[in-house]
Amino acid sequence: MAIEFLEKLLSLFTGGMDSESEKRRQLKQIARDITKNRYKFYKIRGEEVQPLFAKLFYDIYKVLSPSQVFLQNADKSNQLKQLVIETFLDKPLLNLQERLSEESIKERAKTTTIKELAQQLNNDLTNFIAGFDGERSNAIDRCYNQILTFVQLVNFDYFFLLKKFDANISERNFTYKPQFEPIRGEYISDDIKDFLEVLYAIDFDQDWKQAFSALKTYKGVEVVAIDQWNRLVNIFRDLKRAGIFELMVRHIDKNPSWLPKPHIPNEYILDAYLQKTRTQVEVFIQQLVQERRNAKIEELAKAIFGTSAVIRLKNYTEKANVTFQKKMLGGYIHIQGLNFLKAFLLDYFKKDIRELCDLLLVRGQWSTNILSQQLSEGYHELMAISDKLITFDDSLADDGDMGGRLRIAMAKAERDKEHIKYVRTLLKGVNDEALKFINLSAQNLIIVGKNLKQVLEDYQRTPHELIINWKDIENSSEKPIDQRITEVYKIIYYFIQLMQFFVKQEQTPGQ
């Protein structure tokens, strides 16, 4: 036991000495390897990096410096990613890409229903995505990552390194003839490591044709002359085989086991591109739906009111929304529909429709009260809504009940963000009530419209079944009764169509 303990204790001392001895031996071997190396970049005695080293980097800098200007922020460019992908599109995929473009979608929309167009686009999108099989996808990512390795090499700070050898050198000024001086290796070791990090990330055996083609399309010019690049590649290959840079770092840092750590990009760009394409198609469809919706609303509004610019509300307005929008609140969301409703109730319902309904319900002798009850209930419900709508709008004035509550809550929200939740609650209640007016009005107008149609049909047939005293009604009407009913029914029909764009709006996607 005592002997074993002494042997272990002895090994602790001799082992450390052996390790240092081995390190010294390795460094001596590294020094011999540097001396024998064909690249005379480093002088062992004095541990100095020679002007030949700077001359090499100066020559690299001359070739790549134009690319530094061309490729600023290229590694962050979405346009470059898209161009790389498009480099790999064959004719069928290019045709599908064109069909999915905004111009093509708008052109097809002229002769196709939105539903049919959406189905076509879904099929086109499915086929487009399916065209990117594993082989094509891998080739795209490989090409893009290849470009990133080139960009890394281009963006290496050659000027910073060279200025250590000649303080008078200027950035990208190659008319000046540099006077490089030897410098201590310790001042350049980190620069060599950084350079190897980008240099060894490059696969020099890859074909660079597609990568440079994409870069040319990206910038509109050759980012580097291909013959100059090929010469650089041969130099880089030879430097890698010679291993001179690794030997220099190991000797300068006194670290025989040091190894370079290449920064190899590993980006996957196709998924984001395909998702963007899908999103763009969906947005285009939504825009078309909205455009057609707006066009139909304008057409119906002009048919009913003579204009689409109908503003009758005093307080439930876009102007009032400015205050809410400053707090990122939705504000009043049923303004257009409610304006149309108020205008219709004031301009038509309380005039032509009211007079006709009064004539039919008061003067008319119905064969049974049940038949007139639906028309009467729908008519009176609309009368009540008309009055409630005026009260609703008035209550939103600054001195009104709800308007005052909103004003006070917004003022408190300036000091206490928790009051924003209360404002949202109030706004939801206001908007729910506005939507209720729209929904109930549409429902009751449908009832009134259906009953007026039945009344018109009864007037036009013999014998009459609903109203038995049409002669009396005719005598009490200033215009032919069938003309009056037809005109009122037509305007109700148009308005119900208009209201379909606003009823139950909160449940309709894209509205």
Protein backbone atom coordinates (compact mmCIF):
# COMPACT_ATOMS: atom_id res chain seq x y z
CA MET A 1 0.00 0.00 0.00
CA ALA A 2 2.79 2.43 0.94
CA ILE A 3 4.65 1.66 -2.31
CA GLU A 4 1.54 2.25 -4.43
CA PHE A 5 0.91 5.56 -2.69
CA LEU A 6 4.48 6.73 -3.35
CA GLU A 7 4.23 5.69 -7.01
CA LYS A 8 1.01 7.71 -7.44
CA LEU A 9 2.53 10.71 -5.69
CA LEU A 10 5.59 10.52 -7.93
CA SER A 11 3.46 10.26 -11.05
CA LEU A 12 1.71 13.54 -10.14
CA PHE A 13 5.04 15.37 -10.41
CA THR A 14 6.57 13.49 -13.32
CA GLY A 15 3.27 13.57 -15.26
CA GLY A 16 3.12 17.37 -15.18
CA MET A 17 6.73 17.55 -16.24
CA ASP A 18 6.08 15.10 -19.08
CA SER A 19 3.11 17.19 -20.25
CA GLU A 20 5.15 20.39 -20.42
CA SER A 21 7.96 18.49 -22.05
CA GLU A 22 5.58 17.11 -24.66
CA LYS A 23 4.21 20.59 -25.33
CA ARG A 24 7.73 21.94 -25.85
CA ARG A 25 8.51 19.04 -28.15
CA GLN A 26 5.36 19.70 -30.18
CA LEU A 27 6.10 23.41 -30.45
CA LYS A 28 9.61 22.63 -31.69
CA GLN A 29 8.11 20.34 -34.30
CA ILE A 30 5.64 23.08 -35.29
CA ALA A 31 8.57 25.48 -35.64
CA ARG A 32 10.38 23.00 -37.91
CA ASP A 33 7.19 22.54 -39.97
CA ILE A 34 6.82 26.31 -40.37
CA THR A 35 10.44 26.60 -41.46
CA LYS A 36 9.97 23.87 -44.07
CA ASN A 37 6.60 25.25 -45.27
CA ARG A 38 6.61 26.83 -48.73
CA TYR A 39 4.76 29.86 -47.39
CA LYS A 40 7.27 32.14 -45.66
CA PHE A 41 4.73 34.13 -43.68
CA TYR A 42 6.24 33.73 -40.21
CA LYS A 43 9.72 34.00 -38.75
CA ILE A 44 10.26 31.74 -35.77
CA ARG A 45 13.04 33.87 -34.35
CA GLY A 46 11.29 36.93 -33.00
CA GLU A 47 7.85 35.37 -33.68
CA GLU A 48 7.14 37.91 -36.41
CA VAL A 49 4.56 37.78 -39.18
CA GLN A 50 6.19 38.81 -42.44
CA PRO A 51 5.15 41.32 -45.14
CA LEU A 52 4.47 38.40 -47.50
CA PHE A 53 1.52 37.50 -45.28
CA ALA A 54 0.14 41.04 -45.62
CA LYS A 55 0.80 40.96 -49.39
CA LEU A 56 -1.37 37.84 -49.70
CA PHE A 57 -4.26 39.46 -47.83
CA TYR A 58 -3.82 42.66 -49.82
CA ASP A 59 -4.24 40.69 -53.06
CA ILE A 60 -7.35 38.96 -51.66
CA TYR A 61 -8.69 42.34 -50.54
CA LYS A 62 -8.22 43.80 -54.05
CA VAL A 63 -10.32 41.02 -55.55
CA LEU A 64 -13.09 41.00 -52.94
CA SER A 65 -13.38 44.66 -51.94
CA PRO A 66 -15.92 45.52 -54.70
CA SER A 67 -18.07 42.68 -53.40
CA GLN A 68 -18.00 44.25 -49.93
CA VAL A 69 -19.93 47.19 -51.36
CA PHE A 70 -22.28 45.06 -53.46
CA LEU A 71 -23.09 42.59 -50.71
CA GLN A 72 -23.68 44.84 -47.71
CA ASN A 73 -26.42 43.20 -45.61
CA ALA A 74 -26.84 40.48 -48.25
CA ASP A 75 -27.00 37.88 -45.50
CA LYS A 76 -30.17 39.60 -44.20
CA SER A 77 -31.81 40.14 -47.60
CA ASN A 78 -35.15 38.42 -48.21
CA GLN A 79 -34.86 39.41 -51.86
CA LEU A 80 -31.68 37.36 -52.18
CA LYS A 81 -33.38 34.35 -50.60
CA GLN A 82 -36.23 34.62 -53.10
CA LEU A 83 -33.83 34.95 -56.05
CA VAL A 84 -31.90 31.86 -54.95
CA ILE A 85 -35.13 29.86 -54.81
CA GLU A 86 -36.26 31.16 -58.20
CA THR A 87 -32.92 30.07 -59.67
CA PHE A 88 -34.09 26.48 -59.15
CA LEU A 89 -37.58 26.84 -60.65
CA ASP A 90 -38.22 24.81 -63.80
CA LYS A 91 -40.79 25.80 -66.44
CA PRO A 92 -43.83 24.15 -64.75
CA LEU A 93 -42.99 25.83 -61.43
CA LEU A 94 -42.42 29.18 -63.15
CA ASN A 95 -45.86 28.87 -64.77
CA LEU A 96 -47.45 28.12 -61.40
CA GLN A 97 -45.58 31.02 -59.81
CA GLU A 98 -46.96 33.33 -62.49
CA ARG A 99 -50.50 32.03 -61.91
CA LEU A 100 -50.11 32.82 -58.21
CA SER A 101 -48.96 36.40 -58.86
CA GLU A 102 -51.17 39.36 -57.97
CA GLU A 103 -51.49 40.42 -61.62
CA SER A 104 -52.62 36.96 -62.72
CA ILE A 105 -55.08 36.63 -59.85
CA LYS A 106 -56.66 40.01 -60.63
CA GLU A 107 -56.94 39.14 -64.31
CA ARG A 108 -58.55 35.76 -63.61
CA ALA A 109 -60.94 37.40 -61.15
CA LYS A 110 -62.50 39.35 -64.03
CA THR A 111 -64.02 36.18 -65.51
CA THR A 112 -64.25 33.87 -62.48
CA THR A 113 -66.30 33.86 -59.31
CA ILE A 114 -64.38 34.29 -56.08
CA LYS A 115 -65.34 30.77 -55.00
CA GLU A 116 -64.07 29.20 -58.23
CA LEU A 117 -60.93 31.33 -58.20
CA ALA A 118 -60.16 30.37 -54.60
CA GLN A 119 -60.41 26.68 -55.54
CA GLN A 120 -58.15 27.19 -58.56
CA LEU A 121 -55.59 29.03 -56.48
CA ASN A 122 -55.68 26.34 -53.81
CA ASN A 123 -54.91 23.72 -56.48
CA ASP A 124 -52.15 25.88 -57.98
CA LEU A 125 -50.63 26.45 -54.55
CA THR A 126 -50.73 22.73 -53.72
CA ASN A 127 -48.99 21.85 -56.99
CA PHE A 128 -46.45 24.65 -56.53
CA ILE A 129 -45.49 23.43 -53.05
CA ALA A 130 -45.38 19.80 -54.20
CA GLY A 131 -42.85 20.80 -56.87
CA PHE A 132 -40.24 21.43 -54.19
CA ASP A 133 -39.27 17.82 -53.53
CA GLY A 134 -36.42 16.82 -51.24
CA GLU A 135 -33.77 17.06 -53.95
CA ARG A 136 -34.80 20.55 -55.08
CA SER A 137 -35.20 21.76 -51.49
CA ASN A 138 -31.74 20.52 -50.51
CA ALA A 139 -30.19 22.09 -53.60
CA ILE A 140 -31.78 25.45 -52.74
CA ASP A 141 -30.54 25.43 -49.15
CA ARG A 142 -27.11 24.23 -50.27
CA CYS A 143 -26.82 27.08 -52.78
CA TYR A 144 -27.98 29.72 -50.29
CA ASN A 145 -25.59 28.51 -47.59
CA GLN A 146 -22.83 28.49 -50.20
CA ILE A 147 -23.58 32.15 -50.89
CA LEU A 148 -23.48 32.88 -47.16
CA THR A 149 -19.99 31.37 -46.92
CA PHE A 150 -18.91 33.64 -49.76
CA VAL A 151 -20.48 36.67 -48.04
CA GLN A 152 -18.64 35.77 -44.82
CA LEU A 153 -15.36 35.67 -46.72
CA VAL A 154 -16.13 38.98 -48.43
CA ASN A 155 -17.07 40.68 -45.15
CA PHE A 156 -13.89 39.69 -43.35
CA ASP A 157 -12.18 42.90 -42.15
CA TYR A 158 -9.15 42.84 -44.45
CA PHE A 159 -8.58 46.57 -44.03
CA PHE A 160 -8.32 46.27 -40.22
CA LEU A 161 -5.78 43.46 -40.59
CA LEU A 162 -3.70 45.25 -43.24
CA LYS A 163 -3.56 48.50 -41.26
CA LYS A 164 -1.53 46.63 -38.64
CA PHE A 165 1.20 46.17 -41.25
CA ASP A 166 0.96 49.68 -42.75
CA ALA A 167 -0.78 52.42 -40.78
CA ASN A 168 -0.96 54.65 -43.87
CA ILE A 169 -3.10 52.32 -45.94
CA SER A 170 -6.59 53.60 -46.89
CA GLU A 171 -9.78 51.60 -47.21
CA ARG A 172 -10.38 50.39 -50.80
CA ASN A 173 -7.66 52.69 -52.13
CA PHE A 174 -5.47 50.57 -54.39
CA THR A 175 -3.57 53.43 -56.02
CA TYR A 176 -1.45 53.70 -52.87
CA LYS A 177 1.54 51.35 -52.80
CA PRO A 178 1.61 49.85 -49.29
CA GLN A 179 4.83 49.51 -47.31
CA PHE A 180 4.22 46.46 -45.15
CA GLU A 181 6.38 45.92 -42.07
CA PRO A 182 6.81 42.76 -39.98
CA ILE A 183 4.73 42.68 -36.80
CA ARG A 184 4.62 40.52 -33.71
CA GLY A 185 2.50 37.42 -34.15
CA GLU A 186 0.51 38.09 -30.99
CA TYR A 187 -1.04 41.12 -32.73
CA ILE A 188 -2.39 39.05 -35.59
CA SER A 189 -3.27 35.68 -34.05
CA ASP A 190 -6.96 36.48 -33.50
CA ASP A 191 -7.26 37.82 -37.05
CA ILE A 192 -5.93 34.56 -38.47
CA LYS A 193 -8.40 32.61 -36.34
CA ASP A 194 -11.27 34.78 -37.58
CA PHE A 195 -10.15 34.33 -41.17
CA LEU A 196 -9.94 30.55 -40.87
CA GLU A 197 -13.42 30.57 -39.32
CA VAL A 198 -14.83 31.88 -42.62
CA LEU A 199 -12.30 30.36 -45.02
CA TYR A 200 -12.77 26.78 -43.86
CA ALA A 201 -16.54 27.13 -43.98
CA ILE A 202 -16.26 27.21 -47.78
CA ASP A 203 -16.55 24.00 -49.79
CA PHE A 204 -14.19 24.75 -52.66
CA ASP A 205 -15.24 21.61 -54.53
CA GLN A 206 -18.81 22.87 -55.01
CA ASP A 207 -19.99 24.28 -58.34
CA TRP A 208 -20.29 28.06 -57.92
CA LYS A 209 -22.21 28.68 -61.14
CA GLN A 210 -25.72 28.90 -59.65
CA ALA A 211 -24.56 30.80 -56.58
CA PHE A 212 -22.90 33.53 -58.65
CA SER A 213 -25.83 33.55 -61.08
CA ALA A 214 -28.19 34.34 -58.19
CA LEU A 215 -25.82 37.05 -56.91
CA LYS A 216 -25.61 38.60 -60.37
CA THR A 217 -29.40 38.72 -60.59
CA TYR A 218 -29.50 40.17 -57.07
CA LYS A 219 -27.09 43.06 -57.79
CA GLY A 220 -27.36 43.33 -61.58
CA VAL A 221 -23.57 42.92 -62.00
CA GLU A 222 -20.92 40.26 -61.48
CA VAL A 223 -19.98 40.56 -57.80
CA VAL A 224 -16.56 39.08 -58.56
CA ALA A 225 -14.80 38.23 -61.80
CA ILE A 226 -15.01 34.47 -62.20
CA ASP A 227 -11.38 34.10 -63.34
CA GLN A 228 -10.18 36.04 -60.30
CA TRP A 229 -12.38 33.93 -58.04
CA ASN A 230 -11.01 30.72 -59.54
CA ARG A 231 -7.45 31.94 -58.85
CA LEU A 232 -8.42 32.70 -55.25
CA VAL A 233 -9.97 29.25 -54.87
CA ASN A 234 -6.72 27.64 -56.02
CA ILE A 235 -4.76 29.75 -53.53
CA PHE A 236 -7.17 28.88 -50.70
CA ARG A 237 -6.97 25.18 -51.50
CA ASP A 238 -3.18 25.31 -51.42
CA LEU A 239 -3.15 27.28 -48.17
CA LYS A 240 -5.44 24.70 -46.60
CA ARG A 241 -3.22 21.84 -47.76
CA ALA A 242 -0.12 23.60 -46.48
CA GLY A 243 -1.76 24.29 -43.11
CA ILE A 244 0.47 27.33 -42.62
CA PHE A 245 -2.16 29.42 -40.84
CA GLU A 246 -2.89 26.71 -38.27
CA LEU A 247 0.85 26.27 -37.65
CA MET A 248 1.28 30.01 -37.13
CA VAL A 249 -1.57 30.24 -34.60
CA ARG A 250 -0.33 27.20 -32.67
CA HIS A 251 3.17 28.59 -32.43
CA ILE A 252 2.10 32.16 -31.61
CA ASP A 253 -0.40 31.05 -28.94
CA LYS A 254 1.86 28.24 -27.69
CA ASN A 255 -1.06 25.88 -28.11
CA PRO A 256 -0.05 22.84 -30.20
CA SER A 257 -3.53 21.33 -30.10
CA TRP A 258 -5.42 24.38 -31.42
CA LEU A 259 -7.87 23.67 -34.23
CA PRO A 260 -9.86 26.12 -36.35
CA LYS A 261 -13.63 26.27 -35.83
CA PRO A 262 -15.32 26.99 -39.16
CA HIS A 263 -18.56 28.99 -39.00
CA ILE A 264 -20.65 26.93 -41.40
CA PRO A 265 -24.08 28.45 -42.21
CA ASN A 266 -27.00 26.05 -42.04
CA GLU A 267 -30.04 28.02 -43.16
CA TYR A 268 -33.35 26.60 -44.41
CA ILE A 269 -35.06 29.22 -46.55
CA LEU A 270 -37.76 27.33 -48.46
CA ASP A 271 -40.38 27.00 -45.71
CA ALA A 272 -40.51 30.76 -45.09
CA TYR A 273 -40.76 31.41 -48.84
CA LEU A 274 -43.64 28.98 -49.31
CA GLN A 275 -45.46 30.36 -46.27
CA LYS A 276 -45.04 33.87 -47.65
CA THR A 277 -46.44 32.72 -51.01
CA ARG A 278 -49.42 31.11 -49.28
CA THR A 279 -50.06 34.24 -47.20
CA GLN A 280 -49.82 36.51 -50.25
CA VAL A 281 -52.39 34.42 -52.13
CA GLU A 282 -54.74 34.53 -49.14
CA VAL A 283 -54.30 38.31 -48.88
CA PHE A 284 -55.00 38.76 -52.60
CA ILE A 285 -58.23 36.75 -52.26
CA GLN A 286 -59.27 38.78 -49.21
CA GLN A 287 -58.58 41.99 -51.12
CA LEU A 288 -60.73 40.81 -54.03
CA VAL A 289 -63.53 39.84 -51.66
CA GLN A 290 -63.31 43.26 -50.00
CA GLU A 291 -63.19 45.08 -53.35
CA ARG A 292 -66.26 43.23 -54.60
CA ARG A 293 -68.02 43.80 -51.30
CA ASN A 294 -67.29 47.53 -51.44
CA ALA A 295 -68.36 47.74 -55.09
CA LYS A 296 -71.66 45.97 -54.37
CA ILE A 297 -72.31 48.17 -51.32
CA GLU A 298 -71.66 51.27 -53.42
CA GLU A 299 -73.95 50.01 -56.19
CA LEU A 300 -76.82 49.26 -53.79
CA ALA A 301 -76.35 52.49 -51.83
CA LYS A 302 -76.53 54.52 -55.03
CA ALA A 303 -79.64 52.63 -56.13
CA ILE A 304 -81.33 53.40 -52.79
CA PHE A 305 -79.97 56.81 -51.76
CA GLY A 306 -78.46 58.14 -54.97
CA THR A 307 -75.01 58.20 -53.34
CA SER A 308 -72.74 55.89 -51.34
CA ALA A 309 -71.62 58.72 -49.04
CA VAL A 310 -74.43 58.46 -46.50
CA ILE A 311 -73.77 60.13 -43.12
CA ARG A 312 -76.69 60.58 -40.73
CA LEU A 313 -75.22 59.71 -37.33
CA LYS A 314 -73.96 62.56 -35.14
CA ASN A 315 -71.88 60.74 -32.54
CA TYR A 316 -71.36 57.13 -33.63
CA THR A 317 -68.80 58.33 -36.20
CA GLU A 318 -65.30 57.89 -37.61
CA LYS A 319 -64.39 61.27 -36.14
CA ALA A 320 -65.13 59.92 -32.66
CA ASN A 321 -62.91 56.92 -33.43
CA VAL A 322 -59.79 59.09 -33.65
CA THR A 323 -59.70 59.34 -29.85
CA PHE A 324 -60.06 55.57 -29.43
CA GLN A 325 -57.44 54.76 -32.06
CA LYS A 326 -54.83 56.75 -30.13
CA LYS A 327 -55.22 54.12 -27.40
CA MET A 328 -55.15 51.24 -29.90
CA LEU A 329 -58.87 50.64 -29.38
CA GLY A 330 -61.21 49.49 -32.13
CA GLY A 331 -63.78 52.17 -31.39
CA TYR A 332 -67.13 52.11 -33.20
CA ILE A 333 -67.14 49.31 -35.78
CA HIS A 334 -70.63 49.39 -37.36
CA ILE A 335 -70.63 52.99 -38.55
CA GLN A 336 -71.34 52.45 -42.24
CA GLY A 337 -74.16 49.94 -41.74
CA LEU A 338 -75.80 52.02 -39.02
CA ASN A 339 -75.62 55.17 -41.16
CA PHE A 340 -77.39 53.35 -43.99
CA LEU A 341 -80.03 52.09 -41.55
CA LYS A 342 -80.76 55.51 -40.05
CA ALA A 343 -80.95 57.09 -43.51
CA PHE A 344 -83.35 54.39 -44.72
CA LEU A 345 -85.60 54.66 -41.68
CA LEU A 346 -85.79 58.46 -41.98
CA ASP A 347 -85.95 58.80 -45.78
CA TYR A 348 -88.13 55.85 -46.70
CA PHE A 349 -89.61 54.01 -43.78
CA LYS A 350 -91.13 57.04 -42.03
CA LYS A 351 -92.44 58.35 -45.35
CA ASP A 352 -93.38 56.07 -48.26
CA ILE A 353 -93.34 52.78 -46.35
CA ARG A 354 -95.18 54.21 -43.35
CA GLU A 355 -97.88 55.77 -45.53
CA LEU A 356 -98.38 52.53 -47.45
CA CYS A 357 -98.50 50.36 -44.32
CA ASP A 358 -100.96 52.78 -42.65
CA LEU A 359 -103.15 52.63 -45.75
CA LEU A 360 -103.14 48.84 -45.89
CA LEU A 361 -103.48 48.23 -42.15
CA VAL A 362 -105.97 51.01 -41.31
CA ARG A 363 -108.07 51.21 -44.48
CA GLY A 364 -107.81 47.59 -45.49
CA GLN A 365 -110.39 45.01 -44.46
CA TRP A 366 -108.42 41.80 -44.02
CA SER A 367 -110.13 38.45 -44.34
CA THR A 368 -108.53 37.50 -41.01
CA ASN A 369 -106.55 39.47 -38.45
CA ILE A 370 -103.87 36.79 -38.39
CA LEU A 371 -102.89 37.70 -41.96
CA SER A 372 -102.35 41.36 -41.13
CA GLN A 373 -100.68 40.71 -37.79
CA GLN A 374 -97.21 39.88 -39.21
CA LEU A 375 -97.14 43.04 -41.33
CA SER A 376 -98.34 45.12 -38.38
CA GLU A 377 -95.80 43.69 -35.93
CA GLY A 378 -92.88 44.09 -38.36
CA TYR A 379 -93.96 47.65 -39.16
CA HIS A 380 -94.31 48.71 -35.50
CA GLU A 381 -91.03 47.02 -34.53
CA LEU A 382 -89.24 49.09 -37.18
CA MET A 383 -90.93 52.24 -35.92
CA ALA A 384 -89.61 51.49 -32.43
CA ILE A 385 -86.09 50.77 -33.75
CA SER A 386 -86.09 54.11 -35.57
CA ASP A 387 -86.80 55.99 -32.34
CA LYS A 388 -84.33 53.89 -30.31
CA LEU A 389 -81.60 54.49 -32.87
CA ILE A 390 -81.93 58.26 -32.50
CA THR A 391 -81.80 57.91 -28.70
CA PHE A 392 -78.78 55.59 -29.00
CA ASP A 393 -76.83 58.08 -31.13
CA ASP A 394 -77.74 61.00 -28.87
CA SER A 395 -76.54 59.09 -25.81
CA LEU A 396 -73.02 58.97 -27.28
CA ALA A 397 -72.63 62.76 -27.21
CA ASP A 398 -70.08 64.08 -24.71
CA ASP A 399 -72.93 65.17 -22.43
CA GLY A 400 -74.96 62.02 -23.12
CA ASP A 401 -75.20 59.04 -20.77
CA MET A 402 -72.88 56.63 -22.61
CA GLY A 403 -70.75 59.35 -24.20
CA GLY A 404 -70.06 60.83 -20.78
CA ARG A 405 -69.08 57.45 -19.35
CA LEU A 406 -66.72 56.82 -22.25
CA ARG A 407 -65.18 60.29 -21.94
CA ILE A 408 -64.53 59.86 -18.20
CA ALA A 409 -63.16 56.33 -18.68
CA MET A 410 -60.80 57.50 -21.44
CA ALA A 411 -59.54 60.33 -19.22
CA LYS A 412 -58.83 57.87 -16.39
CA ALA A 413 -57.08 55.55 -18.85
CA GLU A 414 -54.47 58.28 -19.34
CA ARG A 415 -53.38 57.74 -15.73
CA ASP A 416 -54.36 54.11 -15.14
CA LYS A 417 -53.93 51.56 -17.92
CA GLU A 418 -56.37 49.20 -16.18
CA HIS A 419 -59.19 51.52 -17.27
CA ILE A 420 -58.49 50.55 -20.88
CA LYS A 421 -60.20 47.23 -20.11
CA TYR A 422 -63.26 49.10 -18.87
CA VAL A 423 -63.31 51.24 -22.03
CA ARG A 424 -63.19 48.07 -24.12
CA THR A 425 -66.15 46.69 -22.18
CA LEU A 426 -68.15 49.88 -22.76
CA LEU A 427 -67.29 49.90 -26.46
CA LYS A 428 -68.31 46.27 -26.82
CA GLY A 429 -71.68 47.06 -25.31
CA VAL A 430 -72.16 50.03 -27.66
CA ASN A 431 -71.15 48.02 -30.73
CA ASP A 432 -73.32 45.07 -29.72
CA GLU A 433 -76.31 47.39 -29.47
CA ALA A 434 -75.52 48.93 -32.87
CA LEU A 435 -75.32 45.49 -34.44
CA LYS A 436 -78.59 44.52 -32.76
CA PHE A 437 -80.32 47.46 -34.47
CA ILE A 438 -78.99 46.27 -37.84
CA ASN A 439 -79.96 42.63 -37.30
CA LEU A 440 -83.46 43.35 -35.97
CA SER A 441 -84.15 45.87 -38.72
CA ALA A 442 -83.11 43.40 -41.41
CA GLN A 443 -85.29 40.67 -39.89
CA ASN A 444 -88.35 42.90 -39.66
CA LEU A 445 -87.86 44.37 -43.12
CA ILE A 446 -87.82 40.84 -44.51
CA ILE A 447 -91.15 40.23 -42.78
CA VAL A 448 -92.62 43.49 -44.10
CA GLY A 449 -91.26 42.80 -47.58
CA LYS A 450 -92.67 39.28 -47.74
CA ASN A 451 -96.09 40.46 -46.60
CA LEU A 452 -96.13 43.32 -49.11
CA LYS A 453 -95.33 40.83 -51.85
CA GLN A 454 -98.26 38.66 -50.74
CA VAL A 455 -100.50 41.74 -50.67
CA LEU A 456 -99.44 42.68 -54.21
CA GLU A 457 -100.12 39.15 -55.44
CA ASP A 458 -103.53 39.28 -53.77
CA TYR A 459 -104.34 42.58 -55.49
CA GLN A 460 -103.37 41.14 -58.89
CA ARG A 461 -105.53 38.01 -58.62
CA THR A 462 -109.25 37.44 -58.64
CA PRO A 463 -110.93 36.79 -56.36
CA HIS A 464 -108.98 38.60 -53.63
CA GLU A 465 -108.25 36.48 -50.56
CA LEU A 466 -106.27 38.70 -48.14
CA ILE A 467 -107.96 42.10 -48.47
CA ILE A 468 -111.61 42.31 -49.47
CA ASN A 469 -111.98 46.09 -50.02
CA TRP A 470 -109.32 46.92 -52.59
CA LYS A 471 -111.63 49.48 -54.20
CA ASP A 472 -111.67 51.58 -51.04
CA ILE A 473 -107.88 51.42 -50.81
CA GLU A 474 -107.54 52.44 -54.45
CA ASN A 475 -109.78 55.43 -53.86
CA SER A 476 -107.67 56.51 -50.87
CA SER A 477 -104.36 56.26 -52.75
CA GLU A 478 -102.93 59.17 -54.73
CA LYS A 479 -101.07 56.78 -57.07
CA PRO A 480 -102.05 53.34 -58.44
CA ILE A 481 -101.83 50.99 -55.48
CA ASP A 482 -99.93 48.28 -57.32
CA GLN A 483 -97.32 50.85 -58.39
CA ARG A 484 -96.90 52.05 -54.79
CA ILE A 485 -96.51 48.52 -53.42
CA THR A 486 -94.05 47.61 -56.19
CA GLU A 487 -91.91 50.70 -55.56
CA VAL A 488 -91.84 50.14 -51.80
CA TYR A 489 -91.14 46.41 -52.18
CA LYS A 490 -88.29 47.18 -54.60
CA ILE A 491 -86.61 49.65 -52.25
CA ILE A 492 -87.00 47.23 -49.30
CA TYR A 493 -85.54 44.42 -51.43
CA TYR A 494 -82.48 46.53 -52.32
CA PHE A 495 -82.01 47.64 -48.73
CA ILE A 496 -82.21 44.08 -47.38
CA GLN A 497 -79.51 43.13 -49.90
CA LEU A 498 -77.42 46.04 -48.62
CA MET A 499 -77.91 45.04 -44.98
CA GLN A 500 -76.69 41.51 -45.70
CA PHE A 501 -73.18 42.97 -45.79
CA PHE A 502 -73.54 44.21 -42.21
CA VAL A 503 -75.73 41.73 -40.30
CA LYS A 504 -73.94 39.45 -37.81
CA GLN A 505 -70.71 41.11 -38.90
CA GLU A 506 -68.71 39.93 -35.92
CA GLN A 507 -69.18 36.30 -37.01
CA THR A 508 -68.17 36.80 -40.64
CA PRO A 509 -64.47 36.22 -41.44
CA GLY A 510 -62.76 39.02 -43.30
CA GLN A 511 -65.52 41.55 -42.58
